[in-house]
Amino acid sequence: MNRLRIKHVTGYRYEGEVGASYNEARMLPVSSDGQFVLYSNLDISPLSSNHSYLDYWGTRVSSFEVLTPHKELSLTANSLIEVRPRVHPPHTLSWESLHEAAARVTSTIEQVKQTKLTEPPAEVAALARRIADEHDNVCDAALAICAEIGNQVEYMTGVTGVHTNAREAWVEKKGVCQDITHIALGALRSVGIPARYVSGYLHPKPSAGIGETVTGESHAWVEWFCGDWRGFDPTNSIDIGDRHVTVGRGRDYNDVAPLRGVYAGPFGSRLFVKVEITRES
């Protein structure tokens, strides 16, 4: 078991003084299978009252507004989480049984259709179809599809943005975890496997000592349904384990963006982000 302390600082610096801003943050994890939240808190500057709730997907949301003039909006999320190794038992669901099994679980309903961010190019759909045809077991097929996407797309920052879709990222076959996850989701859904986007954090250093603070970042991976939900990190080609902390789930990045909002003012804005992760036990 890992006990991880996560400090996530983000916000906007405006090019002038804005009159007001209205925002939503999805930065705090909730206790779920494989993780237990010992402490979590969100500090907002300028000081603002906020309303917290769980959204449709079960993600913790902080909704708030700043009605005084400000040049910067800063949020600091502090969390302490115990993360346990996940058990990934074998799933032997056949293609013939997939539709019937998925129909019994409401969480699969919105995870079959493509979105603007996950719609795959024809080459990806054909790749997924070929791999699926090689497997009688849905879970084995999904794992092979995600692993192949991870092998073919190089992790590289600065090539794509938050609005880049799977088709655009596949052209260069370069991108960040968000892009690789969108491509994998599109591939899985193209062969009828319900799949969802997961946002959270990954401790980047397996050998980190207790008390060692390392620079981290927000992370994304996939979960697919094969009788139960099964997670995999295609960016790193690893199973979800005790270094992964889940914050939210949805159809794609748009459902789980860490911070989004609007502001009143004629100026532009620049997003800043810093994540620090400390292993405490």
Foldseek 3Di string as FASTA:
>chain_A
DWKKKKKKKKWKAWPDKFQKKWKKFQADADDDVFKHWPDKDKQKPVDWDWDWDQDPFRFIMTTTMDRHIDRIIMMIMITIMFGAFDDDDDFQFFPVCQVVLLVVDPVLPPQQDADPQQAADPVLQVVLVVLSVVDRGLVVSLLVSLQVLLVQAAEDPPPDDPPHHQHRSVVVSYYHQQNSQSPSSNNSSSVPWRKKKWKFWFDPDPPDDAFDKDWTDIHMWMWTDRSHTATARSNVSGGDTRRTGTRGMDNGCVVRPRMDIDTGDDIDMDMDMTMMMGTHD
